[in-house]
Amino acid sequence: MPGVTVRDVDAQKFITAYADFLKRQGKLQIPGWVDTVKTSHSNELPPQSQDWFYVRAAAVARHVYLRKSVGVGRLAKVHGSTKNRGSKPMHHCDASRSVDRKVLQALEKIGIVERIDEDTEDAGGKGGRRITQAGQRDLDRIAMTAVEEDEDEDDE
């Protein structure tokens, strides 16, 4: 299937495949606090999965791939959830900006995303991050393997 991109693959399948790839590769720098930190003010407990940082990194890489430029604040809003306030109405609560910032920094170190200067036209004067050429190539390659695995499962 020629010309498969991240847009052509189901989000959950792609994120799972890319998280597995990042874990196998072993280049993603993981902070020491990943086993104790809460990912949002609205959560009561830290994530129960050992691989949650890889999954978040895969989701962030996909999010940056699909958009022109993405900042930490936008990612915090996307990964946020509703806060249970007891008998009071629920309200949206943003995710931890620190977690999303560390994920972006780790993806920058392995060359998947790059920082946009505030004075360039692409950012509209705001800055943020965008996908690199090498990152786009890697994500498209993972998308191709995810589609092939899905086709193999359908054939069986």
N, C-alpha and C. Protein backbone atom coordinates (compact mmCIF):
# COMPACT_ATOMS: atom_id res chain seq x y z
N MET A 1 0.84 -1.18 0.00
CA MET A 1 0.00 0.00 0.00
C MET A 1 0.89 1.24 0.00
N PRO A 2 1.13 1.84 -1.17
CA PRO A 2 2.03 2.98 -1.25
C PRO A 2 1.39 4.25 -0.71
N GLY A 3 2.22 5.12 -0.14
CA GLY A 3 1.76 6.42 0.29
C GLY A 3 0.93 6.44 1.55
N VAL A 4 1.18 5.54 2.49
CA VAL A 4 0.43 5.55 3.74
C VAL A 4 1.06 6.56 4.69
N THR A 5 0.22 7.42 5.26
CA THR A 5 0.69 8.40 6.23
C THR A 5 -0.01 8.15 7.56
N VAL A 6 0.34 8.95 8.54
CA VAL A 6 -0.25 8.83 9.88
C VAL A 6 -1.74 9.13 9.83
N ARG A 7 -2.17 10.00 8.91
CA ARG A 7 -3.59 10.34 8.78
C ARG A 7 -4.44 9.15 8.36
N ASP A 8 -3.84 8.16 7.69
CA ASP A 8 -4.58 7.02 7.16
C ASP A 8 -4.77 5.91 8.18
N VAL A 9 -4.14 6.00 9.33
CA VAL A 9 -4.14 4.91 10.32
C VAL A 9 -5.00 5.31 11.51
N ASP A 10 -5.67 4.33 12.08
CA ASP A 10 -6.44 4.55 13.30
C ASP A 10 -5.50 5.04 14.40
N ALA A 11 -5.94 6.06 15.14
CA ALA A 11 -5.09 6.71 16.13
C ALA A 11 -4.59 5.73 17.19
N GLN A 12 -5.48 4.91 17.72
CA GLN A 12 -5.09 3.99 18.79
C GLN A 12 -4.05 2.97 18.32
N LYS A 13 -4.24 2.45 17.11
CA LYS A 13 -3.29 1.47 16.58
C LYS A 13 -1.93 2.12 16.33
N PHE A 14 -1.95 3.34 15.79
CA PHE A 14 -0.69 4.01 15.53
C PHE A 14 0.05 4.33 16.81
N ILE A 15 -0.65 4.86 17.80
CA ILE A 15 -0.01 5.24 19.06
C ILE A 15 0.59 4.02 19.74
N THR A 16 -0.12 2.92 19.73
CA THR A 16 0.40 1.68 20.32
C THR A 16 1.66 1.21 19.58
N ALA A 17 1.60 1.23 18.25
CA ALA A 17 2.75 0.78 17.46
C ALA A 17 3.95 1.69 17.65
N TYR A 18 3.72 2.99 17.69
CA TYR A 18 4.83 3.93 17.84
C TYR A 18 5.42 3.89 19.25
N ALA A 19 4.56 3.68 20.26
CA ALA A 19 5.05 3.56 21.63
C ALA A 19 5.93 2.31 21.76
N ASP A 20 5.52 1.21 21.14
CA ASP A 20 6.35 0.00 21.14
C ASP A 20 7.68 0.24 20.45
N PHE A 21 7.64 0.98 19.34
CA PHE A 21 8.87 1.30 18.61
C PHE A 21 9.82 2.14 19.47
N LEU A 22 9.26 3.16 20.14
CA LEU A 22 10.10 4.01 20.99
C LEU A 22 10.72 3.21 22.14
N LYS A 23 9.95 2.27 22.70
CA LYS A 23 10.47 1.46 23.79
C LYS A 23 11.58 0.52 23.31
N ARG A 24 11.37 -0.11 22.13
CA ARG A 24 12.38 -1.00 21.57
C ARG A 24 13.65 -0.24 21.20
N GLN A 25 13.48 0.97 20.67
CA GLN A 25 14.62 1.76 20.24
C GLN A 25 15.51 2.15 21.42
N GLY A 26 14.89 2.52 22.54
CA GLY A 26 15.65 2.82 23.75
C GLY A 26 16.35 4.16 23.77
N LYS A 27 16.07 5.05 22.82
CA LYS A 27 16.75 6.34 22.78
C LYS A 27 16.00 7.43 23.53
N LEU A 28 14.72 7.22 23.80
CA LEU A 28 13.91 8.25 24.46
C LEU A 28 14.36 8.41 25.91
N GLN A 29 14.72 9.63 26.27
CA GLN A 29 15.20 9.90 27.61
C GLN A 29 14.00 10.06 28.54
N ILE A 30 13.93 9.22 29.56
CA ILE A 30 12.79 9.20 30.47
C ILE A 30 13.21 9.82 31.80
N PRO A 31 12.43 10.79 32.31
CA PRO A 31 12.76 11.40 33.61
C PRO A 31 12.62 10.39 34.75
N GLY A 32 13.27 10.66 35.86
CA GLY A 32 13.25 9.73 36.99
C GLY A 32 11.95 9.72 37.76
N TRP A 33 11.09 10.71 37.55
CA TRP A 33 9.88 10.82 38.34
C TRP A 33 8.66 10.17 37.69
N VAL A 34 8.83 9.41 36.62
CA VAL A 34 7.68 8.88 35.90
C VAL A 34 6.85 7.88 36.70
N ASP A 35 7.43 7.26 37.72
CA ASP A 35 6.67 6.27 38.47
C ASP A 35 5.86 6.89 39.61
N THR A 36 6.07 8.17 39.91
CA THR A 36 5.36 8.78 41.04
C THR A 36 4.51 9.99 40.66
N VAL A 37 4.68 10.56 39.50
CA VAL A 37 4.02 11.81 39.16
C VAL A 37 2.59 11.58 38.68
N LYS A 38 1.69 12.52 39.03
CA LYS A 38 0.35 12.53 38.47
C LYS A 38 0.41 13.29 37.16
N THR A 39 -0.37 12.88 36.19
CA THR A 39 -0.33 13.55 34.89
C THR A 39 -1.30 14.71 34.80
N SER A 40 -2.14 14.90 35.81
CA SER A 40 -3.07 16.02 35.81
C SER A 40 -3.53 16.31 37.23
N HIS A 41 -3.94 17.53 37.46
CA HIS A 41 -4.48 17.92 38.75
C HIS A 41 -5.78 17.18 39.04
N SER A 42 -6.49 16.77 37.98
CA SER A 42 -7.77 16.09 38.16
C SER A 42 -7.63 14.61 38.51
N ASN A 43 -6.44 14.05 38.37
CA ASN A 43 -6.24 12.63 38.68
C ASN A 43 -5.96 12.44 40.16
N GLU A 44 -6.39 11.29 40.67
CA GLU A 44 -6.10 10.97 42.07
C GLU A 44 -4.83 10.17 42.22
N LEU A 45 -4.49 9.36 41.21
CA LEU A 45 -3.32 8.48 41.27
C LEU A 45 -2.43 8.68 40.04
N PRO A 46 -1.17 8.30 40.14
CA PRO A 46 -0.32 8.31 38.94
C PRO A 46 -0.74 7.19 37.99
N PRO A 47 -0.30 7.24 36.73
CA PRO A 47 -0.65 6.18 35.79
C PRO A 47 -0.19 4.81 36.28
N GLN A 48 -1.00 3.79 36.04
CA GLN A 48 -0.69 2.44 36.51
C GLN A 48 0.21 1.68 35.54
N SER A 49 0.23 2.08 34.28
CA SER A 49 1.06 1.42 33.28
C SER A 49 2.52 1.85 33.43
N GLN A 50 3.42 0.92 33.28
CA GLN A 50 4.86 1.22 33.34
C GLN A 50 5.32 1.99 32.08
N ASP A 51 4.58 1.82 30.97
CA ASP A 51 4.99 2.39 29.69
C ASP A 51 4.22 3.66 29.34
N TRP A 52 3.63 4.34 30.30
CA TRP A 52 2.77 5.47 30.00
C TRP A 52 3.54 6.62 29.36
N PHE A 53 4.81 6.78 29.69
CA PHE A 53 5.58 7.88 29.11
C PHE A 53 5.80 7.66 27.61
N TYR A 54 6.01 6.39 27.20
CA TYR A 54 6.16 6.09 25.78
C TYR A 54 4.85 6.34 25.04
N VAL A 55 3.73 5.98 25.66
CA VAL A 55 2.43 6.20 25.05
C VAL A 55 2.16 7.70 24.90
N ARG A 56 2.48 8.47 25.94
CA ARG A 56 2.28 9.93 25.86
C ARG A 56 3.17 10.53 24.79
N ALA A 57 4.41 10.05 24.68
CA ALA A 57 5.33 10.55 23.66
C ALA A 57 4.80 10.23 22.26
N ALA A 58 4.25 9.05 22.07
CA ALA A 58 3.68 8.68 20.78
C ALA A 58 2.46 9.54 20.45
N ALA A 59 1.62 9.81 21.44
CA ALA A 59 0.45 10.64 21.22
C ALA A 59 0.85 12.08 20.89
N VAL A 60 1.87 12.58 21.57
CA VAL A 60 2.34 13.94 21.31
C VAL A 60 2.96 14.03 19.91
N ALA A 61 3.74 13.02 19.53
CA ALA A 61 4.35 13.02 18.20
C ALA A 61 3.27 13.00 17.11
N ARG A 62 2.23 12.22 17.31
CA ARG A 62 1.12 12.18 16.35
C ARG A 62 0.41 13.53 16.30
N HIS A 63 0.19 14.14 17.46
CA HIS A 63 -0.50 15.43 17.53
C HIS A 63 0.29 16.51 16.81
N VAL A 64 1.60 16.52 16.99
CA VAL A 64 2.45 17.51 16.34
C VAL A 64 2.49 17.24 14.83
N TYR A 65 2.50 15.98 14.43
CA TYR A 65 2.51 15.61 13.02
C TYR A 65 1.28 16.16 12.30
N LEU A 66 0.12 16.07 12.94
CA LEU A 66 -1.13 16.45 12.30
C LEU A 66 -1.36 17.96 12.25
N ARG A 67 -0.59 18.75 12.97
CA ARG A 67 -0.79 20.19 13.02
C ARG A 67 0.48 20.93 12.61
N LYS A 68 0.30 22.19 12.25
CA LYS A 68 1.42 23.00 11.78
C LYS A 68 2.41 23.29 12.90
N SER A 69 1.89 23.76 14.02
CA SER A 69 2.74 24.01 15.17
C SER A 69 1.93 23.78 16.44
N VAL A 70 2.59 23.24 17.46
CA VAL A 70 1.92 22.90 18.72
C VAL A 70 2.80 23.37 19.86
N GLY A 71 2.17 23.95 20.88
CA GLY A 71 2.89 24.37 22.06
C GLY A 71 2.52 23.53 23.26
N VAL A 72 3.18 23.76 24.35
CA VAL A 72 2.95 23.00 25.58
C VAL A 72 1.55 23.26 26.13
N GLY A 73 1.09 24.49 26.04
CA GLY A 73 -0.25 24.82 26.54
C GLY A 73 -1.36 24.09 25.80
N ARG A 74 -1.22 23.97 24.50
CA ARG A 74 -2.23 23.25 23.70
C ARG A 74 -2.22 21.77 24.06
N LEU A 75 -1.06 21.19 24.26
CA LEU A 75 -0.98 19.78 24.64
C LEU A 75 -1.58 19.55 26.02
N ALA A 76 -1.38 20.48 26.94
CA ALA A 76 -1.95 20.36 28.28
C ALA A 76 -3.47 20.38 28.21
N LYS A 77 -4.02 21.19 27.34
CA LYS A 77 -5.47 21.25 27.18
C LYS A 77 -6.01 19.95 26.56
N VAL A 78 -5.30 19.44 25.57
CA VAL A 78 -5.73 18.21 24.89
C VAL A 78 -5.68 17.02 25.83
N HIS A 79 -4.64 16.91 26.65
CA HIS A 79 -4.49 15.75 27.54
C HIS A 79 -5.22 15.92 28.87
N GLY A 80 -5.85 17.07 29.07
CA GLY A 80 -6.61 17.30 30.30
C GLY A 80 -7.90 16.50 30.33
N SER A 81 -8.59 16.55 31.47
CA SER A 81 -9.85 15.82 31.62
C SER A 81 -10.74 16.58 32.61
N THR A 82 -11.89 16.01 32.90
CA THR A 82 -12.79 16.66 33.84
C THR A 82 -12.40 16.29 35.27
N LYS A 83 -12.54 17.27 36.14
CA LYS A 83 -12.20 17.07 37.55
C LYS A 83 -13.48 16.75 38.31
N ASN A 84 -13.44 15.69 39.10
CA ASN A 84 -14.57 15.32 39.94
C ASN A 84 -14.54 16.21 41.18
N ARG A 85 -15.56 17.05 41.31
CA ARG A 85 -15.60 17.99 42.42
C ARG A 85 -16.68 17.64 43.43
N GLY A 86 -17.00 16.37 43.53
CA GLY A 86 -18.00 15.94 44.50
C GLY A 86 -19.39 16.30 44.04
N SER A 87 -20.16 16.99 44.87
CA SER A 87 -21.53 17.35 44.51
C SER A 87 -21.60 18.57 43.61
N LYS A 88 -20.46 19.27 43.43
CA LYS A 88 -20.43 20.43 42.55
C LYS A 88 -20.27 19.95 41.10
N PRO A 89 -20.65 20.77 40.14
CA PRO A 89 -20.50 20.37 38.74
C PRO A 89 -19.03 20.16 38.37
N MET A 90 -18.79 19.22 37.45
CA MET A 90 -17.43 18.96 36.99
C MET A 90 -16.96 20.08 36.08
N HIS A 91 -15.66 20.33 36.07
CA HIS A 91 -15.06 21.32 35.18
C HIS A 91 -13.82 20.70 34.54
N HIS A 92 -13.48 21.24 33.36
CA HIS A 92 -12.29 20.77 32.67
C HIS A 92 -11.04 21.24 33.43
N CYS A 93 -10.07 20.36 33.51
CA CYS A 93 -8.81 20.68 34.18
C CYS A 93 -7.68 20.27 33.24
N ASP A 94 -6.78 21.19 32.95
CA ASP A 94 -5.66 20.90 32.05
C ASP A 94 -4.72 19.88 32.67
N ALA A 95 -3.99 19.17 31.81
CA ALA A 95 -2.98 18.22 32.27
C ALA A 95 -1.74 18.97 32.74
N SER A 96 -0.81 18.24 33.29
CA SER A 96 0.44 18.82 33.77
C SER A 96 1.27 19.32 32.60
N ARG A 97 1.62 20.59 32.63
CA ARG A 97 2.46 21.14 31.57
C ARG A 97 3.88 20.59 31.65
N SER A 98 4.31 20.25 32.85
CA SER A 98 5.65 19.72 33.02
C SER A 98 5.82 18.40 32.28
N VAL A 99 4.83 17.53 32.37
CA VAL A 99 4.90 16.23 31.70
C VAL A 99 4.98 16.44 30.19
N ASP A 100 4.10 17.30 29.65
CA ASP A 100 4.11 17.53 28.21
C ASP A 100 5.40 18.22 27.76
N ARG A 101 5.93 19.11 28.57
CA ARG A 101 7.18 19.78 28.24
C ARG A 101 8.34 18.78 28.20
N LYS A 102 8.40 17.88 29.17
CA LYS A 102 9.46 16.87 29.20
C LYS A 102 9.34 15.90 28.03
N VAL A 103 8.10 15.57 27.63
CA VAL A 103 7.90 14.71 26.47
C VAL A 103 8.41 15.40 25.21
N LEU A 104 8.06 16.67 25.04
CA LEU A 104 8.55 17.41 23.87
C LEU A 104 10.06 17.53 23.87
N GLN A 105 10.65 17.76 25.03
CA GLN A 105 12.11 17.85 25.10
C GLN A 105 12.77 16.53 24.76
N ALA A 106 12.17 15.42 25.21
CA ALA A 106 12.72 14.10 24.88
C ALA A 106 12.60 13.82 23.39
N LEU A 107 11.47 14.21 22.78
CA LEU A 107 11.30 14.02 21.34
C LEU A 107 12.24 14.93 20.55
N GLU A 108 12.55 16.10 21.09
CA GLU A 108 13.52 16.98 20.44
C GLU A 108 14.90 16.36 20.42
N LYS A 109 15.28 15.73 21.52
CA LYS A 109 16.63 15.15 21.61
C LYS A 109 16.84 14.01 20.63
N ILE A 110 15.78 13.28 20.29
CA ILE A 110 15.95 12.19 19.33
C ILE A 110 15.62 12.63 17.91
N GLY A 111 15.29 13.92 17.73
CA GLY A 111 15.14 14.47 16.39
C GLY A 111 13.78 14.30 15.76
N ILE A 112 12.74 14.06 16.52
CA ILE A 112 11.40 13.89 15.96
C ILE A 112 10.72 15.25 15.78
N VAL A 113 10.84 16.13 16.76
CA VAL A 113 10.26 17.47 16.66
C VAL A 113 11.37 18.50 16.79
N GLU A 114 11.06 19.72 16.35
CA GLU A 114 12.01 20.82 16.47
C GLU A 114 11.28 22.06 16.94
N ARG A 115 12.01 22.92 17.58
CA ARG A 115 11.46 24.17 18.10
C ARG A 115 11.32 25.18 16.96
N ILE A 116 10.21 25.92 16.97
CA ILE A 116 9.98 26.97 15.98
C ILE A 116 10.37 28.30 16.61
N ASP A 117 11.18 29.07 15.90
CA ASP A 117 11.54 30.40 16.39
C ASP A 117 10.32 31.31 16.34
N GLU A 118 10.24 32.22 17.30
CA GLU A 118 9.09 33.12 17.37
C GLU A 118 9.04 34.12 16.22
N ASP A 119 10.17 34.40 15.59
CA ASP A 119 10.20 35.40 14.53
C ASP A 119 9.94 34.82 13.14
N THR A 120 9.70 33.50 13.02
CA THR A 120 9.41 32.91 11.72
C THR A 120 7.92 33.04 11.41
N GLU A 121 7.60 32.95 10.12
CA GLU A 121 6.21 33.08 9.69
C GLU A 121 5.38 31.84 10.05
N ASP A 122 6.00 30.67 10.10
CA ASP A 122 5.27 29.43 10.36
C ASP A 122 4.52 29.47 11.68
N ALA A 123 5.11 30.06 12.67
CA ALA A 123 4.52 30.05 14.01
C ALA A 123 3.53 31.18 14.21
N GLY A 124 3.51 32.14 13.32
CA GLY A 124 2.63 33.28 13.52
C GLY A 124 3.08 34.14 14.69
N GLY A 125 4.37 34.10 15.01
CA GLY A 125 4.91 34.89 16.10
C GLY A 125 4.72 34.28 17.46
N LYS A 126 4.34 33.01 17.53
CA LYS A 126 4.06 32.40 18.82
C LYS A 126 5.09 31.37 19.26
N GLY A 127 5.82 30.80 18.36
CA GLY A 127 6.75 29.74 18.72
C GLY A 127 6.07 28.38 18.67
N GLY A 128 6.51 27.45 19.48
CA GLY A 128 5.94 26.11 19.49
C GLY A 128 6.90 25.10 18.91
N ARG A 129 6.35 23.95 18.52
CA ARG A 129 7.17 22.89 17.93
C ARG A 129 6.49 22.36 16.69
N ARG A 130 7.30 21.81 15.79
CA ARG A 130 6.79 21.18 14.58
C ARG A 130 7.58 19.90 14.34
N ILE A 131 7.05 19.08 13.45
CA ILE A 131 7.67 17.79 13.15
C ILE A 131 8.86 18.04 12.20
N THR A 132 9.92 17.28 12.37
CA THR A 132 11.07 17.39 11.47
C THR A 132 10.87 16.46 10.28
N GLN A 133 11.72 16.61 9.28
CA GLN A 133 11.63 15.74 8.10
C GLN A 133 11.92 14.29 8.49
N ALA A 134 12.94 14.10 9.32
CA ALA A 134 13.27 12.74 9.77
C ALA A 134 12.15 12.17 10.63
N GLY A 135 11.55 13.01 11.46
CA GLY A 135 10.44 12.57 12.29
C GLY A 135 9.23 12.18 11.46
N GLN A 136 8.94 12.97 10.44
CA GLN A 136 7.82 12.65 9.56
C GLN A 136 8.06 11.33 8.83
N ARG A 137 9.29 11.11 8.40
CA ARG A 137 9.63 9.86 7.71
C ARG A 137 9.47 8.67 8.65
N ASP A 138 9.93 8.80 9.91
CA ASP A 138 9.80 7.72 10.88
C ASP A 138 8.34 7.41 11.19
N LEU A 139 7.54 8.45 11.41
CA LEU A 139 6.14 8.25 11.74
C LEU A 139 5.37 7.62 10.58
N ASP A 140 5.69 8.04 9.34
CA ASP A 140 5.04 7.42 8.17
C ASP A 140 5.45 5.96 8.04
N ARG A 141 6.70 5.66 8.36
CA ARG A 141 7.16 4.26 8.29
C ARG A 141 6.43 3.39 9.31
N ILE A 142 6.25 3.92 10.52
CA ILE A 142 5.52 3.19 11.56
C ILE A 142 4.05 3.04 11.16
N ALA A 143 3.48 4.07 10.53
CA ALA A 143 2.09 3.98 10.05
C ALA A 143 1.95 2.88 9.01
N MET A 144 2.94 2.77 8.13
CA MET A 144 2.91 1.72 7.10
C MET A 144 2.94 0.33 7.75
N THR A 145 3.80 0.14 8.75
CA THR A 145 3.85 -1.16 9.41
C THR A 145 2.56 -1.44 10.18
N ALA A 146 1.93 -0.41 10.75
CA ALA A 146 0.67 -0.61 11.47
C ALA A 146 -0.43 -1.04 10.51
N VAL A 147 -0.46 -0.45 9.31
CA VAL A 147 -1.46 -0.83 8.31
C VAL A 147 -1.21 -2.27 7.84
N GLU A 148 0.07 -2.62 7.62
CA GLU A 148 0.39 -3.98 7.19
C GLU A 148 0.00 -5.01 8.25
N GLU A 149 0.25 -4.70 9.51
CA GLU A 149 -0.15 -5.62 10.60
C GLU A 149 -1.66 -5.76 10.67
N ASP A 150 -2.36 -4.66 10.44
CA ASP A 150 -3.83 -4.70 10.45
C ASP A 150 -4.36 -5.54 9.30
N GLU A 151 -3.72 -5.43 8.13
CA GLU A 151 -4.13 -6.24 6.99
C GLU A 151 -3.84 -7.71 7.24
N ASP A 152 -2.71 -8.02 7.88
CA ASP A 152 -2.38 -9.41 8.19
C ASP A 152 -3.41 -10.02 9.15
N GLU A 153 -3.87 -9.24 10.12
CA GLU A 153 -4.88 -9.73 11.06
C GLU A 153 -6.20 -9.96 10.36
N ASP A 154 -6.54 -9.11 9.38
CA ASP A 154 -7.79 -9.28 8.64
C ASP A 154 -7.76 -10.53 7.76
N ASP A 155 -6.58 -10.86 7.21
CA ASP A 155 -6.45 -12.04 6.36
C ASP A 155 -6.62 -13.34 7.14
N GLU A 156 -6.27 -13.34 8.40
CA GLU A 156 -6.31 -14.58 9.19
C GLU A 156 -7.67 -14.93 9.63
